[in-house]
């Protein structure tokens, strides 16, 4: 359902993973993608990681984001539009 583009040794990525860990709706269905071994992903996200992607809509949420921004982003996705903040 979600992908988090990240890389080993990325402090911001660790912060994003900790934040997502507090958000069960994302954490449970989140695939971690290490961009380090994929040239296309490095080109696309290299200077922007961590980046959260909703797989079916391809919507992206770029770091930095907090719980409020994450909730707002989720609410604009069709299947989460009825979420309470």
PDB file of N, CA and C in Angstrom:
ATOM      1  N   UNK A   1       0.810  -1.188   0.000  1.00  0.00           N
ATOM      2  CA  UNK A   1       0.000   0.000   0.000  1.00  0.00           C
ATOM      3  C   UNK A   1       0.867   1.272   0.000  1.00  0.00           C
ATOM      4  N   UNK A   2       1.967   1.268   0.785  1.00  0.00           N
ATOM      5  CA  UNK A   2       2.881   2.400   0.842  1.00  0.00           C
ATOM      6  C   UNK A   2       4.309   1.915   0.641  1.00  0.00           C
ATOM      7  N   UNK A   3       5.140   2.814   0.149  1.00  0.00           N
ATOM      8  CA  UNK A   3       6.578   2.572   0.048  1.00  0.00           C
ATOM      9  C   UNK A   3       7.291   3.760   0.667  1.00  0.00           C
ATOM     10  N   UNK A   4       8.338   3.472   1.438  1.00  0.00           N
ATOM     11  CA  UNK A   4       9.202   4.527   1.941  1.00  0.00           C
ATOM     12  C   UNK A   4      10.543   4.366   1.257  1.00  0.00           C
ATOM     13  N   UNK A   5      10.886   5.338   0.425  1.00  0.00           N
ATOM     14  CA  UNK A   5      12.187   5.345  -0.230  1.00  0.00           C
ATOM     15  C   UNK A   5      13.178   5.927   0.761  1.00  0.00           C
ATOM     16  N   UNK A   6      14.248   5.166   1.029  1.00  0.00           N
ATOM     17  CA  UNK A   6      15.204   5.531   2.062  1.00  0.00           C
ATOM     18  C   UNK A   6      16.555   4.921   1.735  1.00  0.00           C
ATOM     19  N   UNK A   7      17.506   5.080   2.659  1.00  0.00           N
ATOM     20  CA  UNK A   7      18.815   4.480   2.479  1.00  0.00           C
ATOM     21  C   UNK A   7      19.452   4.249   3.845  1.00  0.00           C
ATOM     22  N   UNK A   8      20.294   3.227   3.937  1.00  0.00           N
ATOM     23  CA  UNK A   8      21.015   2.960   5.185  1.00  0.00           C
ATOM     24  C   UNK A   8      21.877   4.156   5.549  1.00  0.00           C
ATOM     25  N   UNK A   9      21.943   4.448   6.824  1.00  0.00           N
ATOM     26  CA  UNK A   9      22.779   5.538   7.299  1.00  0.00           C
ATOM     27  C   UNK A   9      22.162   6.915   7.140  1.00  0.00           C
ATOM     28  N   UNK A  10      20.930   6.979   6.716  1.00  0.00           N
ATOM     29  CA  UNK A  10      20.230   8.250   6.518  1.00  0.00           C
ATOM     30  C   UNK A  10      19.483   8.595   7.805  1.00  0.00           C
ATOM     31  N   UNK A  11      19.968   9.593   8.531  1.00  0.00           N
ATOM     32  CA  UNK A  11      19.343   9.992   9.783  1.00  0.00           C
ATOM     33  C   UNK A  11      17.916  10.473   9.612  1.00  0.00           C
ATOM     34  N   UNK A  12      17.657  11.205   8.534  1.00  0.00           N
ATOM     35  CA  UNK A  12      16.298  11.681   8.274  1.00  0.00           C
ATOM     36  C   UNK A  12      15.360  10.510   8.001  1.00  0.00           C
ATOM     37  N   UNK A  13      15.890   9.483   7.342  1.00  0.00           N
ATOM     38  CA  UNK A  13      15.086   8.287   7.065  1.00  0.00           C
ATOM     39  C   UNK A  13      14.708   7.590   8.368  1.00  0.00           C
ATOM     40  N   UNK A  14      15.635   7.548   9.313  1.00  0.00           N
ATOM     41  CA  UNK A  14      15.339   6.953  10.617  1.00  0.00           C
ATOM     42  C   UNK A  14      14.240   7.736  11.325  1.00  0.00           C
ATOM     43  N   UNK A  15      14.288   9.065  11.230  1.00  0.00           N
ATOM     44  CA  UNK A  15      13.242   9.895  11.826  1.00  0.00           C
ATOM     45  C   UNK A  15      11.889   9.604  11.171  1.00  0.00           C
ATOM     46  N   UNK A  16      11.892   9.492   9.850  1.00  0.00           N
ATOM     47  CA  UNK A  16      10.642   9.208   9.131  1.00  0.00           C
ATOM     48  C   UNK A  16      10.092   7.841   9.522  1.00  0.00           C
ATOM     49  N   UNK A  17      10.966   6.833   9.627  1.00  0.00           N
ATOM     50  CA  UNK A  17      10.511   5.494  10.019  1.00  0.00           C
ATOM     51  C   UNK A  17       9.927   5.507  11.431  1.00  0.00           C
ATOM     52  N   UNK A  18      10.530   6.269  12.327  1.00  0.00           N
ATOM     53  CA  UNK A  18      10.002   6.375  13.689  1.00  0.00           C
ATOM     54  C   UNK A  18       8.618   7.017  13.674  1.00  0.00           C
ATOM     55  N   UNK A  19       8.459   8.056  12.881  1.00  0.00           N
ATOM     56  CA  UNK A  19       7.163   8.729  12.771  1.00  0.00           C
ATOM     57  C   UNK A  19       6.118   7.785  12.182  1.00  0.00           C
ATOM     58  N   UNK A  20       6.488   7.067  11.128  1.00  0.00           N
ATOM     59  CA  UNK A  20       5.554   6.128  10.504  1.00  0.00           C
ATOM     60  C   UNK A  20       5.206   4.983  11.451  1.00  0.00           C
ATOM     61  N   UNK A  21       6.147   4.621  12.316  1.00  0.00           N
ATOM     62  CA  UNK A  21       5.895   3.579  13.306  1.00  0.00           C
ATOM     63  C   UNK A  21       4.798   3.955  14.286  1.00  0.00           C
ATOM     64  N   UNK A  22       4.540   5.252  14.418  1.00  0.00           N
ATOM     65  CA  UNK A  22       3.475   5.748  15.295  1.00  0.00           C
ATOM     66  C   UNK A  22       2.145   5.864  14.553  1.00  0.00           C
ATOM     67  N   UNK A  23       2.140   5.510  13.279  1.00  0.00           N
ATOM     68  CA  UNK A  23       0.953   5.645  12.438  1.00  0.00           C
ATOM     69  C   UNK A  23       0.600   4.264  11.888  1.00  0.00           C
ATOM     70  N   UNK A  24      -0.159   3.461  12.652  1.00  0.00           N
ATOM     71  CA  UNK A  24      -0.405   2.065  12.269  1.00  0.00           C
ATOM     72  C   UNK A  24      -0.934   1.880  10.854  1.00  0.00           C
ATOM     73  N   UNK A  25      -1.771   2.784  10.389  1.00  0.00           N
ATOM     74  CA  UNK A  25      -2.373   2.627   9.062  1.00  0.00           C
ATOM     75  C   UNK A  25      -1.307   2.615   7.959  1.00  0.00           C
ATOM     76  N   UNK A  26      -0.205   3.313   8.191  1.00  0.00           N
ATOM     77  CA  UNK A  26       0.898   3.347   7.224  1.00  0.00           C
ATOM     78  C   UNK A  26       1.923   2.278   7.565  1.00  0.00           C
ATOM     79  N   UNK A  27       2.289   2.182   8.828  1.00  0.00           N
ATOM     80  CA  UNK A  27       3.365   1.293   9.268  1.00  0.00           C
ATOM     81  C   UNK A  27       3.122  -0.155   8.858  1.00  0.00           C
ATOM     82  N   UNK A  28       1.902  -0.638   9.023  1.00  0.00           N
ATOM     83  CA  UNK A  28       1.583  -2.038   8.737  1.00  0.00           C
ATOM     84  C   UNK A  28       1.749  -2.356   7.260  1.00  0.00           C
ATOM     85  N   UNK A  29       1.390  -1.417   6.390  1.00  0.00           N
ATOM     86  CA  UNK A  29       1.449  -1.669   4.959  1.00  0.00           C
ATOM     87  C   UNK A  29       2.531  -0.888   4.250  1.00  0.00           C
ATOM     88  N   UNK A  30       3.702  -0.766   4.896  1.00  0.00           N
ATOM     89  CA  UNK A  30       4.768   0.056   4.320  1.00  0.00           C
ATOM     90  C   UNK A  30       5.978  -0.802   3.957  1.00  0.00           C
ATOM     91  N   UNK A  31       6.345  -0.745   2.698  1.00  0.00           N
ATOM     92  CA  UNK A  31       7.525  -1.451   2.198  1.00  0.00           C
ATOM     93  C   UNK A  31       8.693  -0.465   2.195  1.00  0.00           C
ATOM     94  N   UNK A  32       9.822  -0.868   2.767  1.00  0.00           N
ATOM     95  CA  UNK A  32      11.015  -0.025   2.779  1.00  0.00           C
ATOM     96  C   UNK A  32      11.835  -0.311   1.525  1.00  0.00           C
ATOM     97  N   UNK A  33      12.151   0.739   0.782  1.00  0.00           N
ATOM     98  CA  UNK A  33      12.930   0.602  -0.448  1.00  0.00           C
ATOM     99  C   UNK A  33      14.240   1.365  -0.279  1.00  0.00           C
ATOM    100  N   UNK A  34      15.357   0.628  -0.252  1.00  0.00           N
ATOM    101  CA  UNK A  34      16.679   1.254  -0.170  1.00  0.00           C
ATOM    102  C   UNK A  34      17.088   1.645  -1.581  1.00  0.00           C
ATOM    103  N   UNK A  35      17.236   2.940  -1.813  1.00  0.00           N
ATOM    104  CA  UNK A  35      17.520   3.419  -3.164  1.00  0.00           C
ATOM    105  C   UNK A  35      18.979   3.238  -3.576  1.00  0.00           C
ATOM    106  N   UNK A  36      19.852   2.853  -2.650  1.00  0.00           N
ATOM    107  CA  UNK A  36      21.297   2.859  -2.879  1.00  0.00           C
ATOM    108  C   UNK A  36      21.761   1.990  -4.044  1.00  0.00           C
ATOM    109  N   UNK A  37      21.016   0.961  -4.391  1.00  0.00           N
ATOM    110  CA  UNK A  37      21.467   0.026  -5.424  1.00  0.00           C
ATOM    111  C   UNK A  37      20.658   0.121  -6.709  1.00  0.00           C
ATOM    112  N   UNK A  38      19.950   1.222  -6.877  1.00  0.00           N
ATOM    113  CA  UNK A  38      19.111   1.399  -8.061  1.00  0.00           C
ATOM    114  C   UNK A  38      19.343   2.797  -8.630  1.00  0.00           C
ATOM    115  N   UNK A  39      20.040   2.862  -9.745  1.00  0.00           N
ATOM    116  CA  UNK A  39      20.404   4.159 -10.338  1.00  0.00           C
ATOM    117  C   UNK A  39      19.190   5.029 -10.642  1.00  0.00           C
ATOM    118  N   UNK A  40      18.106   4.418 -11.115  1.00  0.00           N
ATOM    119  CA  UNK A  40      16.902   5.199 -11.421  1.00  0.00           C
ATOM    120  C   UNK A  40      16.317   5.819 -10.162  1.00  0.00           C
ATOM    121  N   UNK A  41      16.296   5.058  -9.077  1.00  0.00           N
ATOM    122  CA  UNK A  41      15.771   5.597  -7.822  1.00  0.00           C
ATOM    123  C   UNK A  41      16.701   6.659  -7.248  1.00  0.00           C
ATOM    124  N   UNK A  42      18.003   6.466  -7.412  1.00  0.00           N
ATOM    125  CA  UNK A  42      18.954   7.488  -6.960  1.00  0.00           C
ATOM    126  C   UNK A  42      18.713   8.784  -7.722  1.00  0.00           C
ATOM    127  N   UNK A  43      18.536   8.689  -9.044  1.00  0.00           N
ATOM    128  CA  UNK A  43      18.253   9.883  -9.848  1.00  0.00           C
ATOM    129  C   UNK A  43      16.951  10.537  -9.430  1.00  0.00           C
ATOM    130  N   UNK A  44      15.945   9.720  -9.174  1.00  0.00           N
ATOM    131  CA  UNK A  44      14.613  10.246  -8.858  1.00  0.00           C
ATOM    132  C   UNK A  44      14.531  10.834  -7.446  1.00  0.00           C
ATOM    133  N   UNK A  45      15.141  10.146  -6.465  1.00  0.00           N
ATOM    134  CA  UNK A  45      14.947  10.519  -5.067  1.00  0.00           C
ATOM    135  C   UNK A  45      16.227  10.851  -4.304  1.00  0.00           C
ATOM    136  N   UNK A  46      17.375  10.735  -4.928  1.00  0.00           N
ATOM    137  CA  UNK A  46      18.649  10.839  -4.227  1.00  0.00           C
ATOM    138  C   UNK A  46      18.796  12.001  -3.272  1.00  0.00           C
ATOM    139  N   UNK A  47      18.329  13.168  -3.656  1.00  0.00           N
ATOM    140  CA  UNK A  47      18.474  14.351  -2.804  1.00  0.00           C
ATOM    141  C   UNK A  47      17.223  14.640  -1.995  1.00  0.00           C
ATOM    142  N   UNK A  48      16.252  13.751  -2.047  1.00  0.00           N
ATOM    143  CA  UNK A  48      14.961  14.030  -1.419  1.00  0.00           C
ATOM    144  C   UNK A  48      14.557  13.022  -0.352  1.00  0.00           C
ATOM    145  N   UNK A  49      15.296  11.929  -0.188  1.00  0.00           N
ATOM    146  CA  UNK A  49      14.867  10.905   0.763  1.00  0.00           C
ATOM    147  C   UNK A  49      14.872  11.453   2.183  1.00  0.00           C
ATOM    148  N   UNK A  50      13.980  10.956   2.987  1.00  0.00           N
ATOM    149  CA  UNK A  50      12.970   9.939   2.740  1.00  0.00           C
ATOM    150  C   UNK A  50      11.756  10.487   1.992  1.00  0.00           C
ATOM    151  N   UNK A  51      11.144   9.611   1.210  1.00  0.00           N
ATOM    152  CA  UNK A  51       9.934   9.947   0.458  1.00  0.00           C
ATOM    153  C   UNK A  51       8.938   8.808   0.658  1.00  0.00           C
ATOM    154  N   UNK A  52       7.724   9.161   1.030  1.00  0.00           N
ATOM    155  CA  UNK A  52       6.657   8.179   1.204  1.00  0.00           C
ATOM    156  C   UNK A  52       5.779   8.193  -0.038  1.00  0.00           C
ATOM    157  N   UNK A  53       5.514   7.004  -0.583  1.00  0.00           N
ATOM    158  CA  UNK A  53       4.673   6.883  -1.775  1.00  0.00           C
ATOM    159  C   UNK A  53       3.453   6.019  -1.463  1.00  0.00           C
ATOM    160  N   UNK A  54       2.294   6.492  -1.872  1.00  0.00           N
ATOM    161  CA  UNK A  54       1.074   5.684  -1.846  1.00  0.00           C
ATOM    162  C   UNK A  54       1.067   4.941  -3.180  1.00  0.00           C
ATOM    163  N   UNK A  55       1.178   3.627  -3.145  1.00  0.00           N
ATOM    164  CA  UNK A  55       1.427   2.858  -4.360  1.00  0.00           C
ATOM    165  C   UNK A  55       0.333   2.972  -5.408  1.00  0.00           C
ATOM    166  N   UNK A  56      -0.922   2.869  -5.022  1.00  0.00           N
ATOM    167  CA  UNK A  56      -1.962   2.843  -6.052  1.00  0.00           C
ATOM    168  C   UNK A  56      -2.163   4.198  -6.725  1.00  0.00           C
ATOM    169  N   UNK A  57      -2.001   5.285  -5.984  1.00  0.00           N
ATOM    170  CA  UNK A  57      -2.205   6.612  -6.584  1.00  0.00           C
ATOM    171  C   UNK A  57      -0.904   7.251  -7.056  1.00  0.00           C
ATOM    172  N   UNK A  58       0.235   6.707  -6.613  1.00  0.00           N
ATOM    173  CA  UNK A  58       1.563   7.255  -6.918  1.00  0.00           C
ATOM    174  C   UNK A  58       1.789   8.632  -6.289  1.00  0.00           C
ATOM    175  N   UNK A  59       0.932   9.014  -5.330  1.00  0.00           N
ATOM    176  CA  UNK A  59       1.107  10.280  -4.611  1.00  0.00           C
ATOM    177  C   UNK A  59       2.356  10.176  -3.741  1.00  0.00           C
ATOM    178  N   UNK A  60       3.124  11.258  -3.689  1.00  0.00           N
ATOM    179  CA  UNK A  60       4.363  11.291  -2.919  1.00  0.00           C
ATOM    180  C   UNK A  60       4.263  12.309  -1.794  1.00  0.00           C
ATOM    181  N   UNK A  61       4.876  11.970  -0.665  1.00  0.00           N
ATOM    182  CA  UNK A  61       5.017  12.893   0.456  1.00  0.00           C
ATOM    183  C   UNK A  61       6.502  12.985   0.760  1.00  0.00           C
ATOM    184  N   UNK A  62       7.055  14.167   0.544  1.00  0.00           N
ATOM    185  CA  UNK A  62       8.487  14.390   0.730  1.00  0.00           C
ATOM    186  C   UNK A  62       8.776  14.859   2.152  1.00  0.00           C
ATOM    187  N   UNK A  63       9.880  14.416   2.701  1.00  0.00           N
ATOM    188  CA  UNK A  63      10.359  14.868   3.996  1.00  0.00           C
ATOM    189  C   UNK A  63      10.809  16.309   3.856  1.00  0.00           C
ATOM    190  N   UNK A  64      10.601  17.161   4.852  1.00  0.00           N
ATOM    191  CA  UNK A  64      10.123  16.850   6.190  1.00  0.00           C
ATOM    192  C   UNK A  64       8.606  16.871   6.276  1.00  0.00           C
ATOM    193  N   UNK A  65       8.060  15.966   7.103  1.00  0.00           N
ATOM    194  CA  UNK A  65       6.633  15.976   7.427  1.00  0.00           C
ATOM    195  C   UNK A  65       6.473  15.512   8.866  1.00  0.00           C
ATOM    196  N   UNK A  66       5.384  15.953   9.476  1.00  0.00           N
ATOM    197  CA  UNK A  66       5.080  15.551  10.846  1.00  0.00           C
ATOM    198  C   UNK A  66       3.753  14.790  10.851  1.00  0.00           C
ATOM    199  N   UNK A  67       3.267  14.432  12.037  1.00  0.00           N
ATOM    200  CA  UNK A  67       2.027  13.661  12.136  1.00  0.00           C
ATOM    201  C   UNK A  67       0.848  14.397  11.504  1.00  0.00           C
ATOM    202  N   UNK A  68       0.768  15.714  11.715  1.00  0.00           N
ATOM    203  CA  UNK A  68      -0.342  16.498  11.167  1.00  0.00           C
ATOM    204  C   UNK A  68      -0.281  16.505   9.643  1.00  0.00           C
ATOM    205  N   UNK A  69       0.895  16.750   9.083  1.00  0.00           N
ATOM    206  CA  UNK A  69       1.045  16.764   7.623  1.00  0.00           C
ATOM    207  C   UNK A  69       0.785  15.383   7.028  1.00  0.00           C
ATOM    208  N   UNK A  70       1.231  14.340   7.724  1.00  0.00           N
ATOM    209  CA  UNK A  70       0.973  12.974   7.260  1.00  0.00           C
ATOM    210  C   UNK A  70      -0.528  12.697   7.250  1.00  0.00           C
ATOM    211  N   UNK A  71      -1.224  13.088   8.309  1.00  0.00           N
ATOM    212  CA  UNK A  71      -2.676  12.880   8.381  1.00  0.00           C
ATOM    213  C   UNK A  71      -3.395  13.643   7.272  1.00  0.00           C
ATOM    214  N   UNK A  72      -2.967  14.870   7.007  1.00  0.00           N
ATOM    215  CA  UNK A  72      -3.580  15.659   5.927  1.00  0.00           C
ATOM    216  C   UNK A  72      -3.339  15.000   4.575  1.00  0.00           C
ATOM    217  N   UNK A  73      -2.144  14.491   4.362  1.00  0.00           N
ATOM    218  CA  UNK A  73      -1.804  13.815   3.107  1.00  0.00           C
ATOM    219  C   UNK A  73      -2.658  12.558   2.946  1.00  0.00           C
ATOM    220  N   UNK A  74      -2.780  11.777   4.032  1.00  0.00           N
ATOM    221  CA  UNK A  74      -3.586  10.557   3.976  1.00  0.00           C
ATOM    222  C   UNK A  74      -5.043  10.867   3.654  1.00  0.00           C
ATOM    223  N   UNK A  75      -5.579  11.933   4.243  1.00  0.00           N
ATOM    224  CA  UNK A  75      -6.991  12.272   4.043  1.00  0.00           C
ATOM    225  C   UNK A  75      -7.310  12.637   2.599  1.00  0.00           C
ATOM    226  N   UNK A  76      -6.334  13.078   1.838  1.00  0.00           N
ATOM    227  CA  UNK A  76      -6.605  13.421   0.444  1.00  0.00           C
ATOM    228  C   UNK A  76      -6.541  12.190  -0.464  1.00  0.00           C
ATOM    229  N   UNK A  77      -6.157  11.035   0.080  1.00  0.00           N
ATOM    230  CA  UNK A  77      -6.187   9.781  -0.669  1.00  0.00           C
ATOM    231  C   UNK A  77      -7.594   9.198  -0.558  1.00  0.00           C
ATOM    232  N   UNK A  78      -8.181   8.749  -1.664  1.00  0.00           N
ATOM    233  CA  UNK A  78      -9.584   8.308  -1.653  1.00  0.00           C
ATOM    234  C   UNK A  78      -9.943   7.315  -0.548  1.00  0.00           C
ATOM    235  N   UNK A  79      -9.118   6.308  -0.320  1.00  0.00           N
ATOM    236  CA  UNK A  79      -9.497   5.289   0.666  1.00  0.00           C
ATOM    237  C   UNK A  79      -9.332   5.743   2.113  1.00  0.00           C
ATOM    238  N   UNK A  80      -8.730   6.913   2.323  1.00  0.00           N
ATOM    239  CA  UNK A  80      -8.529   7.418   3.681  1.00  0.00           C
ATOM    240  C   UNK A  80      -9.241   8.746   3.921  1.00  0.00           C
ATOM    241  N   UNK A  81     -10.110   9.145   3.034  1.00  0.00           N
ATOM    242  CA  UNK A  81     -10.736  10.466   3.123  1.00  0.00           C
ATOM    243  C   UNK A  81     -11.622  10.642   4.356  1.00  0.00           C
ATOM    244  N   UNK A  82     -12.022   9.550   4.991  1.00  0.00           N
ATOM    245  CA  UNK A  82     -12.877   9.668   6.176  1.00  0.00           C
ATOM    246  C   UNK A  82     -12.101   9.582   7.492  1.00  0.00           C
ATOM    247  N   UNK A  83     -10.765   9.652   7.428  1.00  0.00           N
ATOM    248  CA  UNK A  83      -9.949   9.605   8.642  1.00  0.00           C
ATOM    249  C   UNK A  83     -10.211  10.805   9.535  1.00  0.00           C
ATOM    250  N   UNK A  84     -10.181  10.567  10.834  1.00  0.00           N
ATOM    251  CA  UNK A  84     -10.281  11.649  11.811  1.00  0.00           C
ATOM    252  C   UNK A  84      -8.874  12.092  12.173  1.00  0.00           C
ATOM    253  N   UNK A  85      -8.691  13.389  12.388  1.00  0.00           N
ATOM    254  CA  UNK A  85      -7.373  13.889  12.806  1.00  0.00           C
ATOM    255  C   UNK A  85      -7.213  13.740  14.291  1.00  0.00           C
TER     256      UNK A  85
END
